[in-house]
Amino acid sequence: MAKDKEKIEGKANEPVANSDQLAEIIDIKPMIRVIRSQQVMIDRDLDLLYGVETRVLNQTAKRNSKRFPDDFMFQLSKEDVEILKSQNVTSSWRDDRKLPYAFTEQG
């Protein structure tokens, strides 16, 4: 057991990756919003983080919904979107035909 502990402690000083291999650090705090008393991230913000189109992100989530808890995502209502717009004075919200999805912490 002592040898295992030494192996683990010895690894702590080794770098995980070279600095040129690390992805750009993105501050996600502004992307976390409270909707319906839940902390969520909107699909449009997640597509920026994952580098995929919003449509692809939502399709993938729906196709794999059995892997997630029932409440991992929900579609925003028009009222939810209006509340978000009013909270963000300099909002970049587009008036899309489809209402965005919100992904909960479980998602």
PDB file of N, CA and C in Angstrom:
ATOM      1  N   MET A   1       0.824  -1.189   0.000  1.00  0.00           N
ATOM      2  CA  MET A   1       0.000   0.000   0.000  1.00  0.00           C
ATOM      3  C   MET A   1       0.870   1.256   0.000  1.00  0.00           C
ATOM      4  N   ALA A   2       1.970   1.232   0.704  1.00  0.00           N
ATOM      5  CA  ALA A   2       2.866   2.388   0.744  1.00  0.00           C
ATOM      6  C   ALA A   2       3.454   2.660  -0.632  1.00  0.00           C
ATOM      7  N   LYS A   3       3.739   1.587  -1.389  1.00  0.00           N
ATOM      8  CA  LYS A   3       4.276   1.764  -2.739  1.00  0.00           C
ATOM      9  C   LYS A   3       3.244   2.424  -3.647  1.00  0.00           C
ATOM     10  N   ASP A   4       1.970   2.031  -3.500  1.00  0.00           N
ATOM     11  CA  ASP A   4       0.907   2.643  -4.302  1.00  0.00           C
ATOM     12  C   ASP A   4       0.793   4.130  -3.988  1.00  0.00           C
ATOM     13  N   LYS A   5       0.904   4.464  -2.703  1.00  0.00           N
ATOM     14  CA  LYS A   5       0.810   5.862  -2.297  1.00  0.00           C
ATOM     15  C   LYS A   5       1.965   6.667  -2.886  1.00  0.00           C
ATOM     16  N   GLU A   6       3.165   6.077  -2.897  1.00  0.00           N
ATOM     17  CA  GLU A   6       4.321   6.752  -3.469  1.00  0.00           C
ATOM     18  C   GLU A   6       4.122   6.994  -4.965  1.00  0.00           C
ATOM     19  N   LYS A   7       3.532   6.020  -5.668  1.00  0.00           N
ATOM     20  CA  LYS A   7       3.293   6.170  -7.102  1.00  0.00           C
ATOM     21  C   LYS A   7       2.331   7.326  -7.368  1.00  0.00           C
ATOM     22  N   ILE A   8       1.291   7.402  -6.563  1.00  0.00           N
ATOM     23  CA  ILE A   8       0.305   8.468  -6.733  1.00  0.00           C
ATOM     24  C   ILE A   8       0.913   9.818  -6.406  1.00  0.00           C
ATOM     25  N   GLU A   9       1.630   9.921  -5.289  1.00  0.00           N
ATOM     26  CA  GLU A   9       2.234  11.186  -4.898  1.00  0.00           C
ATOM     27  C   GLU A   9       3.280  11.624  -5.904  1.00  0.00           C
ATOM     28  N   GLY A  10       4.022  10.685  -6.473  1.00  0.00           N
ATOM     29  CA  GLY A  10       5.035  11.022  -7.469  1.00  0.00           C
ATOM     30  C   GLY A  10       4.424  11.604  -8.736  1.00  0.00           C
ATOM     31  N   LYS A  11       3.222  11.180  -9.075  1.00  0.00           N
ATOM     32  CA  LYS A  11       2.538  11.667 -10.279  1.00  0.00           C
ATOM     33  C   LYS A  11       2.047  13.093 -10.118  1.00  0.00           C
ATOM     34  N   ALA A  12       1.819  13.529  -8.899  1.00  0.00           N
ATOM     35  CA  ALA A  12       1.262  14.859  -8.678  1.00  0.00           C
ATOM     36  C   ALA A  12       2.175  15.965  -9.202  1.00  0.00           C
ATOM     37  N   ASN A  13       3.468  15.722  -9.267  1.00  0.00           N
ATOM     38  CA  ASN A  13       4.400  16.740  -9.726  1.00  0.00           C
ATOM     39  C   ASN A  13       4.598  16.732 -11.236  1.00  0.00           C
ATOM     40  N   GLU A  14       4.071  15.722 -11.918  1.00  0.00           N
ATOM     41  CA  GLU A  14       4.232  15.637 -13.360  1.00  0.00           C
ATOM     42  C   GLU A  14       3.146  16.453 -14.061  1.00  0.00           C
ATOM     43  N   PRO A  15       3.498  17.163 -15.124  1.00  0.00           N
ATOM     44  CA  PRO A  15       2.469  17.924 -15.843  1.00  0.00           C
ATOM     45  C   PRO A  15       1.502  16.983 -16.556  1.00  0.00           C
ATOM     46  N   VAL A  16       0.253  17.377 -16.611  1.00  0.00           N
ATOM     47  CA  VAL A  16      -0.761  16.584 -17.292  1.00  0.00           C
ATOM     48  C   VAL A  16      -0.570  16.680 -18.799  1.00  0.00           C
ATOM     49  N   ALA A  17      -0.284  17.869 -19.289  1.00  0.00           N
ATOM     50  CA  ALA A  17      -0.090  18.088 -20.720  1.00  0.00           C
ATOM     51  C   ALA A  17       0.845  19.270 -20.918  1.00  0.00           C
ATOM     52  N   ASN A  18       1.416  19.353 -22.081  1.00  0.00           N
ATOM     53  CA  ASN A  18       2.214  20.523 -22.412  1.00  0.00           C
ATOM     54  C   ASN A  18       1.283  21.712 -22.560  1.00  0.00           C
ATOM     55  N   SER A  19       1.782  22.899 -22.309  1.00  0.00           N
ATOM     56  CA  SER A  19       0.926  24.076 -22.368  1.00  0.00           C
ATOM     57  C   SER A  19       0.345  24.282 -23.766  1.00  0.00           C
ATOM     58  N   ASP A  20       1.048  23.847 -24.810  1.00  0.00           N
ATOM     59  CA  ASP A  20       0.509  24.011 -26.155  1.00  0.00           C
ATOM     60  C   ASP A  20      -0.595  23.005 -26.462  1.00  0.00           C
ATOM     61  N   GLN A  21      -0.775  21.995 -25.599  1.00  0.00           N
ATOM     62  CA  GLN A  21      -1.825  21.006 -25.784  1.00  0.00           C
ATOM     63  C   GLN A  21      -3.111  21.384 -25.047  1.00  0.00           C
ATOM     64  N   LEU A  22      -3.039  22.341 -24.143  1.00  0.00           N
ATOM     65  CA  LEU A  22      -4.207  22.707 -23.367  1.00  0.00           C
ATOM     66  C   LEU A  22      -5.147  23.567 -24.197  1.00  0.00           C
ATOM     67  N   ALA A  23      -6.427  23.314 -24.032  1.00  0.00           N
ATOM     68  CA  ALA A  23      -7.427  24.111 -24.741  1.00  0.00           C
ATOM     69  C   ALA A  23      -7.506  25.495 -24.108  1.00  0.00           C
ATOM     70  N   GLU A  24      -8.035  26.432 -24.865  1.00  0.00           N
ATOM     71  CA  GLU A  24      -8.233  27.784 -24.354  1.00  0.00           C
ATOM     72  C   GLU A  24      -9.180  27.724 -23.157  1.00  0.00           C
ATOM     73  N   ILE A  25      -8.853  28.437 -22.113  1.00  0.00           N
ATOM     74  CA  ILE A  25      -9.684  28.450 -20.918  1.00  0.00           C
ATOM     75  C   ILE A  25     -10.837  29.409 -21.145  1.00  0.00           C
ATOM     76  N   ILE A  26     -12.052  28.924 -20.946  1.00  0.00           N
ATOM     77  CA  ILE A  26     -13.252  29.719 -21.150  1.00  0.00           C
ATOM     78  C   ILE A  26     -13.971  29.863 -19.827  1.00  0.00           C
ATOM     79  N   ASP A  27     -14.315  31.087 -19.482  1.00  0.00           N
ATOM     80  CA  ASP A  27     -15.053  31.355 -18.255  1.00  0.00           C
ATOM     81  C   ASP A  27     -16.531  31.043 -18.505  1.00  0.00           C
ATOM     82  N   ILE A  28     -17.031  29.995 -17.872  1.00  0.00           N
ATOM     83  CA  ILE A  28     -18.423  29.594 -18.109  1.00  0.00           C
ATOM     84  C   ILE A  28     -19.407  30.229 -17.135  1.00  0.00           C
ATOM     85  N   LYS A  29     -18.910  30.932 -16.123  1.00  0.00           N
ATOM     86  CA  LYS A  29     -19.813  31.521 -15.135  1.00  0.00           C
ATOM     87  C   LYS A  29     -20.902  32.389 -15.763  1.00  0.00           C
ATOM     88  N   PRO A  30     -20.572  33.255 -16.733  1.00  0.00           N
ATOM     89  CA  PRO A  30     -21.642  34.066 -17.330  1.00  0.00           C
ATOM     90  C   PRO A  30     -22.645  33.244 -18.140  1.00  0.00           C
ATOM     91  N   MET A  31     -22.276  32.017 -18.505  1.00  0.00           N
ATOM     92  CA  MET A  31     -23.161  31.170 -19.294  1.00  0.00           C
ATOM     93  C   MET A  31     -24.164  30.406 -18.423  1.00  0.00           C
ATOM     94  N   ILE A  32     -23.919  30.365 -17.136  1.00  0.00           N
ATOM     95  CA  ILE A  32     -24.827  29.658 -16.227  1.00  0.00           C
ATOM     96  C   ILE A  32     -25.944  30.614 -15.849  1.00  0.00           C
ATOM     97  N   ARG A  33     -27.150  30.197 -16.124  1.00  0.00           N
ATOM     98  CA  ARG A  33     -28.318  31.045 -15.878  1.00  0.00           C
ATOM     99  C   ARG A  33     -29.292  30.294 -14.982  1.00  0.00           C
ATOM    100  N   VAL A  34     -30.135  31.029 -14.305  1.00  0.00           N
ATOM    101  CA  VAL A  34     -31.160  30.411 -13.467  1.00  0.00           C
ATOM    102  C   VAL A  34     -32.498  30.553 -14.184  1.00  0.00           C
ATOM    103  N   ILE A  35     -33.058  29.425 -14.541  1.00  0.00           N
ATOM    104  CA  ILE A  35     -34.356  29.376 -15.203  1.00  0.00           C
ATOM    105  C   ILE A  35     -35.194  28.333 -14.481  1.00  0.00           C
ATOM    106  N   ARG A  36     -36.397  28.715 -14.127  1.00  0.00           N
ATOM    107  CA  ARG A  36     -37.312  27.810 -13.414  1.00  0.00           C
ATOM    108  C   ARG A  36     -36.651  27.249 -12.157  1.00  0.00           C
ATOM    109  N   SER A  37     -35.916  28.103 -11.476  1.00  0.00           N
ATOM    110  CA  SER A  37     -35.236  27.772 -10.218  1.00  0.00           C
ATOM    111  C   SER A  37     -34.159  26.703 -10.382  1.00  0.00           C
ATOM    112  N   GLN A  38     -33.622  26.558 -11.579  1.00  0.00           N
ATOM    113  CA  GLN A  38     -32.545  25.599 -11.823  1.00  0.00           C
ATOM    114  C   GLN A  38     -31.381  26.307 -12.505  1.00  0.00           C
ATOM    115  N   GLN A  39     -30.177  25.903 -12.156  1.00  0.00           N
ATOM    116  CA  GLN A  39     -29.007  26.415 -12.857  1.00  0.00           C
ATOM    117  C   GLN A  39     -28.878  25.639 -14.157  1.00  0.00           C
ATOM    118  N   VAL A  40     -28.834  26.372 -15.267  1.00  0.00           N
ATOM    119  CA  VAL A  40     -28.784  25.731 -16.577  1.00  0.00           C
ATOM    120  C   VAL A  40     -27.790  26.441 -17.484  1.00  0.00           C
ATOM    121  N   MET A  41     -27.466  25.764 -18.572  1.00  0.00           N
ATOM    122  CA  MET A  41     -26.718  26.383 -19.659  1.00  0.00           C
ATOM    123  C   MET A  41     -27.566  26.212 -20.909  1.00  0.00           C
ATOM    124  N   ILE A  42     -27.637  27.265 -21.702  1.00  0.00           N
ATOM    125  CA  ILE A  42     -28.445  27.272 -22.908  1.00  0.00           C
ATOM    126  C   ILE A  42     -27.679  26.576 -24.034  1.00  0.00           C
ATOM    127  N   ASP A  43     -28.415  25.902 -24.904  1.00  0.00           N
ATOM    128  CA  ASP A  43     -27.778  25.170 -26.003  1.00  0.00           C
ATOM    129  C   ASP A  43     -26.837  26.035 -26.830  1.00  0.00           C
ATOM    130  N   ARG A  44     -27.157  27.285 -27.014  1.00  0.00           N
ATOM    131  CA  ARG A  44     -26.311  28.192 -27.804  1.00  0.00           C
ATOM    132  C   ARG A  44     -24.951  28.424 -27.153  1.00  0.00           C
ATOM    133  N   ASP A  45     -24.942  28.425 -25.820  1.00  0.00           N
ATOM    134  CA  ASP A  45     -23.669  28.586 -25.112  1.00  0.00           C
ATOM    135  C   ASP A  45     -22.864  27.296 -25.154  1.00  0.00           C
ATOM    136  N   LEU A  46     -23.559  26.169 -25.016  1.00  0.00           N
ATOM    137  CA  LEU A  46     -22.867  24.889 -25.059  1.00  0.00           C
ATOM    138  C   LEU A  46     -22.268  24.605 -26.428  1.00  0.00           C
ATOM    139  N   ASP A  47     -22.936  25.062 -27.480  1.00  0.00           N
ATOM    140  CA  ASP A  47     -22.368  24.813 -28.807  1.00  0.00           C
ATOM    141  C   ASP A  47     -21.038  25.539 -28.979  1.00  0.00           C
ATOM    142  N   LEU A  48     -20.889  26.691 -28.335  1.00  0.00           N
ATOM    143  CA  LEU A  48     -19.607  27.399 -28.370  1.00  0.00           C
ATOM    144  C   LEU A  48     -18.528  26.620 -27.624  1.00  0.00           C
ATOM    145  N   LEU A  49     -18.905  26.051 -26.478  1.00  0.00           N
ATOM    146  CA  LEU A  49     -17.938  25.291 -25.683  1.00  0.00           C
ATOM    147  C   LEU A  49     -17.480  24.029 -26.401  1.00  0.00           C
ATOM    148  N   TYR A  50     -18.432  23.338 -27.020  1.00  0.00           N
ATOM    149  CA  TYR A  50     -18.114  22.058 -27.652  1.00  0.00           C
ATOM    150  C   TYR A  50     -17.738  22.197 -29.127  1.00  0.00           C
ATOM    151  N   GLY A  51     -17.918  23.382 -29.692  1.00  0.00           N
ATOM    152  CA  GLY A  51     -17.538  23.599 -31.073  1.00  0.00           C
ATOM    153  C   GLY A  51     -18.406  22.867 -32.076  1.00  0.00           C
ATOM    154  N   VAL A  52     -19.683  22.758 -31.784  1.00  0.00           N
ATOM    155  CA  VAL A  52     -20.630  22.109 -32.698  1.00  0.00           C
ATOM    156  C   VAL A  52     -21.813  23.042 -32.941  1.00  0.00           C
ATOM    157  N   GLU A  53     -22.569  22.768 -33.989  1.00  0.00           N
ATOM    158  CA  GLU A  53     -23.769  23.546 -34.245  1.00  0.00           C
ATOM    159  C   GLU A  53     -24.819  23.222 -33.193  1.00  0.00           C
ATOM    160  N   THR A  54     -25.635  24.202 -32.868  1.00  0.00           N
ATOM    161  CA  THR A  54     -26.697  24.008 -31.886  1.00  0.00           C
ATOM    162  C   THR A  54     -27.612  22.864 -32.298  1.00  0.00           C
ATOM    163  N   ARG A  55     -27.933  22.815 -33.557  1.00  0.00           N
ATOM    164  CA  ARG A  55     -28.817  21.768 -34.083  1.00  0.00           C
ATOM    165  C   ARG A  55     -28.224  20.377 -33.813  1.00  0.00           C
ATOM    166  N   VAL A  56     -26.935  20.223 -34.046  1.00  0.00           N
ATOM    167  CA  VAL A  56     -26.253  18.943 -33.847  1.00  0.00           C
ATOM    168  C   VAL A  56     -26.232  18.578 -32.363  1.00  0.00           C
ATOM    169  N   LEU A  57     -25.954  19.557 -31.507  1.00  0.00           N
ATOM    170  CA  LEU A  57     -25.941  19.328 -30.071  1.00  0.00           C
ATOM    171  C   LEU A  57     -27.299  18.819 -29.597  1.00  0.00           C
ATOM    172  N   ASN A  58     -28.369  19.482 -30.006  1.00  0.00           N
ATOM    173  CA  ASN A  58     -29.708  19.088 -29.577  1.00  0.00           C
ATOM    174  C   ASN A  58     -30.106  17.723 -30.126  1.00  0.00           C
ATOM    175  N   GLN A  59     -29.778  17.445 -31.383  1.00  0.00           N
ATOM    176  CA  GLN A  59     -30.081  16.130 -31.959  1.00  0.00           C
ATOM    177  C   GLN A  59     -29.364  15.022 -31.199  1.00  0.00           C
ATOM    178  N   THR A  60     -28.101  15.254 -30.899  1.00  0.00           N
ATOM    179  CA  THR A  60     -27.308  14.251 -30.180  1.00  0.00           C
ATOM    180  C   THR A  60     -27.879  14.010 -28.794  1.00  0.00           C
ATOM    181  N   ALA A  61     -28.256  15.074 -28.110  1.00  0.00           N
ATOM    182  CA  ALA A  61     -28.828  14.934 -26.767  1.00  0.00           C
ATOM    183  C   ALA A  61     -30.139  14.154 -26.810  1.00  0.00           C
ATOM    184  N   LYS A  62     -30.972  14.430 -27.780  1.00  0.00           N
ATOM    185  CA  LYS A  62     -32.257  13.726 -27.895  1.00  0.00           C
ATOM    186  C   LYS A  62     -32.054  12.255 -28.233  1.00  0.00           C
ATOM    187  N   ARG A  63     -31.114  11.976 -29.116  1.00  0.00           N
ATOM    188  CA  ARG A  63     -30.858  10.577 -29.511  1.00  0.00           C
ATOM    189  C   ARG A  63     -30.285   9.750 -28.373  1.00  0.00           C
ATOM    190  N   ASN A  64     -29.580  10.404 -27.466  1.00  0.00           N
ATOM    191  CA  ASN A  64     -28.943   9.704 -26.346  1.00  0.00           C
ATOM    192  C   ASN A  64     -29.645   9.984 -25.025  1.00  0.00           C
ATOM    193  N   SER A  65     -30.905  10.359 -25.075  1.00  0.00           N
ATOM    194  CA  SER A  65     -31.622  10.763 -23.865  1.00  0.00           C
ATOM    195  C   SER A  65     -31.698   9.658 -22.815  1.00  0.00           C
ATOM    196  N   LYS A  66     -31.598   8.400 -23.224  1.00  0.00           N
ATOM    197  CA  LYS A  66     -31.655   7.286 -22.259  1.00  0.00           C
ATOM    198  C   LYS A  66     -30.430   7.265 -21.352  1.00  0.00           C
ATOM    199  N   ARG A  67     -29.359   7.925 -21.761  1.00  0.00           N
ATOM    200  CA  ARG A  67     -28.131   7.963 -20.959  1.00  0.00           C
ATOM    201  C   ARG A  67     -28.183   9.024 -19.866  1.00  0.00           C
ATOM    202  N   PHE A  68     -29.178   9.888 -19.920  1.00  0.00           N
ATOM    203  CA  PHE A  68     -29.262  11.012 -18.998  1.00  0.00           C
ATOM    204  C   PHE A  68     -30.518  10.905 -18.136  1.00  0.00           C
ATOM    205  N   PRO A  69     -30.529  11.585 -16.994  1.00  0.00           N
ATOM    206  CA  PRO A  69     -31.750  11.632 -16.181  1.00  0.00           C
ATOM    207  C   PRO A  69     -32.867  12.335 -16.960  1.00  0.00           C
ATOM    208  N   ASP A  70     -34.099  12.093 -16.574  1.00  0.00           N
ATOM    209  CA  ASP A  70     -35.255  12.664 -17.270  1.00  0.00           C
ATOM    210  C   ASP A  70     -35.220  14.185 -17.325  1.00  0.00           C
ATOM    211  N   ASP A  71     -34.662  14.806 -16.306  1.00  0.00           N
ATOM    212  CA  ASP A  71     -34.693  16.270 -16.228  1.00  0.00           C
ATOM    213  C   ASP A  71     -33.379  16.927 -16.667  1.00  0.00           C
ATOM    214  N   PHE A  72     -32.631  16.278 -17.560  1.00  0.00           N
ATOM    215  CA  PHE A  72     -31.334  16.841 -17.938  1.00  0.00           C
ATOM    216  C   PHE A  72     -31.453  18.005 -18.909  1.00  0.00           C
ATOM    217  N   MET A  73     -32.571  18.110 -19.613  1.00  0.00           N
ATOM    218  CA  MET A  73     -32.765  19.244 -20.508  1.00  0.00           C
ATOM    219  C   MET A  73     -34.252  19.520 -20.667  1.00  0.00           C
ATOM    220  N   PHE A  74     -34.556  20.764 -20.981  1.00  0.00           N
ATOM    221  CA  PHE A  74     -35.934  21.121 -21.275  1.00  0.00           C
ATOM    222  C   PHE A  74     -35.933  22.289 -22.249  1.00  0.00           C
ATOM    223  N   GLN A  75     -37.018  22.403 -22.988  1.00  0.00           N
ATOM    224  CA  GLN A  75     -37.131  23.490 -23.956  1.00  0.00           C
ATOM    225  C   GLN A  75     -37.703  24.718 -23.267  1.00  0.00           C
ATOM    226  N   LEU A  76     -37.118  25.858 -23.564  1.00  0.00           N
ATOM    227  CA  LEU A  76     -37.583  27.101 -22.967  1.00  0.00           C
ATOM    228  C   LEU A  76     -38.913  27.519 -23.582  1.00  0.00           C
ATOM    229  N   SER A  77     -39.708  28.170 -22.789  1.00  0.00           N
ATOM    230  CA  SER A  77     -40.952  28.751 -23.286  1.00  0.00           C
ATOM    231  C   SER A  77     -40.648  30.155 -23.806  1.00  0.00           C
ATOM    232  N   LYS A  78     -41.607  30.756 -24.485  1.00  0.00           N
ATOM    233  CA  LYS A  78     -41.430  32.135 -24.957  1.00  0.00           C
ATOM    234  C   LYS A  78     -41.226  33.068 -23.770  1.00  0.00           C
ATOM    235  N   GLU A  79     -41.915  32.796 -22.673  1.00  0.00           N
ATOM    236  CA  GLU A  79     -41.779  33.619 -21.463  1.00  0.00           C
ATOM    237  C   GLU A  79     -40.365  33.510 -20.891  1.00  0.00           C
ATOM    238  N   ASP A  80     -39.811  32.287 -20.878  1.00  0.00           N
ATOM    239  CA  ASP A  80     -38.439  32.091 -20.393  1.00  0.00           C
ATOM    240  C   ASP A  80     -37.456  32.917 -21.219  1.00  0.00           C
ATOM    241  N   VAL A  81     -37.630  32.894 -22.526  1.00  0.00           N
ATOM    242  CA  VAL A  81     -36.730  33.635 -23.422  1.00  0.00           C
ATOM    243  C   VAL A  81     -36.852  35.129 -23.180  1.00  0.00           C
ATOM    244  N   GLU A  82     -38.066  35.606 -23.001  1.00  0.00           N
ATOM    245  CA  GLU A  82     -38.265  37.043 -22.741  1.00  0.00           C
ATOM    246  C   GLU A  82     -37.601  37.455 -21.431  1.00  0.00           C
ATOM    247  N   ILE A  83     -37.675  36.614 -20.421  1.00  0.00           N
ATOM    248  CA  ILE A  83     -37.027  36.907 -19.132  1.00  0.00           C
ATOM    249  C   ILE A  83     -35.510  36.976 -19.329  1.00  0.00           C
ATOM    250  N   LEU A  84     -34.953  36.034 -20.083  1.00  0.00           N
ATOM    251  CA  LEU A  84     -33.508  36.050 -20.335  1.00  0.00           C
ATOM    252  C   LEU A  84     -33.100  37.287 -21.112  1.00  0.00           C
ATOM    253  N   LYS A  85     -33.888  37.668 -22.097  1.00  0.00           N
ATOM    254  CA  LYS A  85     -33.589  38.872 -22.869  1.00  0.00           C
ATOM    255  C   LYS A  85     -33.585  40.098 -21.970  1.00  0.00           C
ATOM    256  N   SER A  86     -34.557  40.182 -21.066  1.00  0.00           N
ATOM    257  CA  SER A  86     -34.646  41.352 -20.189  1.00  0.00           C
ATOM    258  C   SER A  86     -33.512  41.384 -19.174  1.00  0.00           C
ATOM    259  N   GLN A  87     -32.972  40.247 -18.811  1.00  0.00           N
ATOM    260  CA  GLN A  87     -31.863  40.195 -17.861  1.00  0.00           C
ATOM    261  C   GLN A  87     -30.551  40.606 -18.511  1.00  0.00           C
ATOM    262  N   ASN A  88     -30.441  40.455 -19.812  1.00  0.00           N
ATOM    263  CA  ASN A  88     -29.218  40.763 -20.544  1.00  0.00           C
ATOM    264  C   ASN A  88     -29.446  41.999 -21.398  1.00  0.00           C
ATOM    265  N   VAL A  89     -29.083  43.155 -20.878  1.00  0.00           N
ATOM    266  CA  VAL A  89     -29.322  44.417 -21.579  1.00  0.00           C
ATOM    267  C   VAL A  89     -28.612  44.418 -22.931  1.00  0.00           C
ATOM    268  N   THR A  90     -27.401  43.893 -22.968  1.00  0.00           N
ATOM    269  CA  THR A  90     -26.662  43.837 -24.225  1.00  0.00           C
ATOM    270  C   THR A  90     -26.782  42.437 -24.819  1.00  0.00           C
ATOM    271  N   SER A  91     -27.977  41.952 -24.869  1.00  0.00           N
ATOM    272  CA  SER A  91     -28.223  40.587 -25.304  1.00  0.00           C
ATOM    273  C   SER A  91     -27.907  40.377 -26.773  1.00  0.00           C
ATOM    274  N   SER A  92     -27.369  39.208 -27.060  1.00  0.00           N
ATOM    275  CA  SER A  92     -27.138  38.823 -28.452  1.00  0.00           C
ATOM    276  C   SER A  92     -28.133  37.749 -28.862  1.00  0.00           C
ATOM    277  N   TRP A  93     -29.250  37.679 -28.172  1.00  0.00           N
ATOM    278  CA  TRP A  93     -30.253  36.653 -28.458  1.00  0.00           C
ATOM    279  C   TRP A  93     -30.870  36.908 -29.815  1.00  0.00           C
ATOM    280  N   ARG A  94     -30.914  35.865 -30.583  1.00  0.00           N
ATOM    281  CA  ARG A  94     -31.535  35.931 -31.900  1.00  0.00           C
ATOM    282  C   ARG A  94     -33.008  35.553 -31.770  1.00  0.00           C
ATOM    283  N   ASP A  95     -33.814  36.056 -32.673  1.00  0.00           N
ATOM    284  CA  ASP A  95     -35.213  35.655 -32.705  1.00  0.00           C
ATOM    285  C   ASP A  95     -35.342  34.458 -33.636  1.00  0.00           C
ATOM    286  N   ASP A  96     -35.001  33.295 -33.115  1.00  0.00           N
ATOM    287  CA  ASP A  96     -35.064  32.077 -33.910  1.00  0.00           C
ATOM    288  C   ASP A  96     -36.481  31.526 -33.927  1.00  0.00           C
ATOM    289  N   ARG A  97     -36.732  30.701 -34.904  1.00  0.00           N
ATOM    290  CA  ARG A  97     -38.047  30.068 -34.997  1.00  0.00           C
ATOM    291  C   ARG A  97     -38.232  29.021 -33.920  1.00  0.00           C
ATOM    292  N   LYS A  98     -37.145  28.345 -33.559  1.00  0.00           N
ATOM    293  CA  LYS A  98     -37.224  27.299 -32.532  1.00  0.00           C
ATOM    294  C   LYS A  98     -36.780  27.872 -31.196  1.00  0.00           C
ATOM    295  N   LEU A  99     -37.476  27.470 -30.157  1.00  0.00           N
ATOM    296  CA  LEU A  99     -37.090  27.890 -28.824  1.00  0.00           C
ATOM    297  C   LEU A  99     -35.871  27.094 -28.377  1.00  0.00           C
ATOM    298  N   PRO A 100     -34.934  27.738 -27.693  1.00  0.00           N
ATOM    299  CA  PRO A 100     -33.714  27.022 -27.278  1.00  0.00           C
ATOM    300  C   PRO A 100     -33.992  26.010 -26.171  1.00  0.00           C
ATOM    301  N   TYR A 101     -33.032  25.122 -26.001  1.00  0.00           N
ATOM    302  CA  TYR A 101     -33.077  24.141 -24.921  1.00  0.00           C
ATOM    303  C   TYR A 101     -32.134  24.584 -23.812  1.00  0.00           C
ATOM    304  N   ALA A 102     -32.503  24.227 -22.586  1.00  0.00           N
ATOM    305  CA  ALA A 102     -31.661  24.483 -21.423  1.00  0.00           C
ATOM    306  C   ALA A 102     -31.196  23.131 -20.893  1.00  0.00           C
ATOM    307  N   PHE A 103     -29.921  23.036 -20.575  1.00  0.00           N
ATOM    308  CA  PHE A 103     -29.351  21.809 -20.044  1.00  0.00           C
ATOM    309  C   PHE A 103     -29.052  22.030 -18.560  1.00  0.00           C
ATOM    310  N   THR A 104     -29.568  21.155 -17.739  1.00  0.00           N
ATOM    311  CA  THR A 104     -29.380  21.274 -16.293  1.00  0.00           C
ATOM    312  C   THR A 104     -28.014  20.738 -15.910  1.00  0.00           C
ATOM    313  N   GLU A 105     -27.693  20.868 -14.651  1.00  0.00           N
ATOM    314  CA  GLU A 105     -26.418  20.365 -14.144  1.00  0.00           C
ATOM    315  C   GLU A 105     -26.304  18.856 -14.383  1.00  0.00           C
ATOM    316  N   GLN A 106     -27.423  18.133 -14.289  1.00  0.00           N
ATOM    317  CA  GLN A 106     -27.412  16.684 -14.511  1.00  0.00           C
ATOM    318  C   GLN A 106     -27.119  16.347 -15.968  1.00  0.00           C
ATOM    319  N   GLY A 107     -27.440  17.272 -16.861  1.00  0.00           N
ATOM    320  CA  GLY A 107     -27.214  17.031 -18.297  1.00  0.00           C
ATOM    321  C   GLY A 107     -25.773  17.231 -18.659  1.00  0.00           C
TER     322      GLY A 107
END
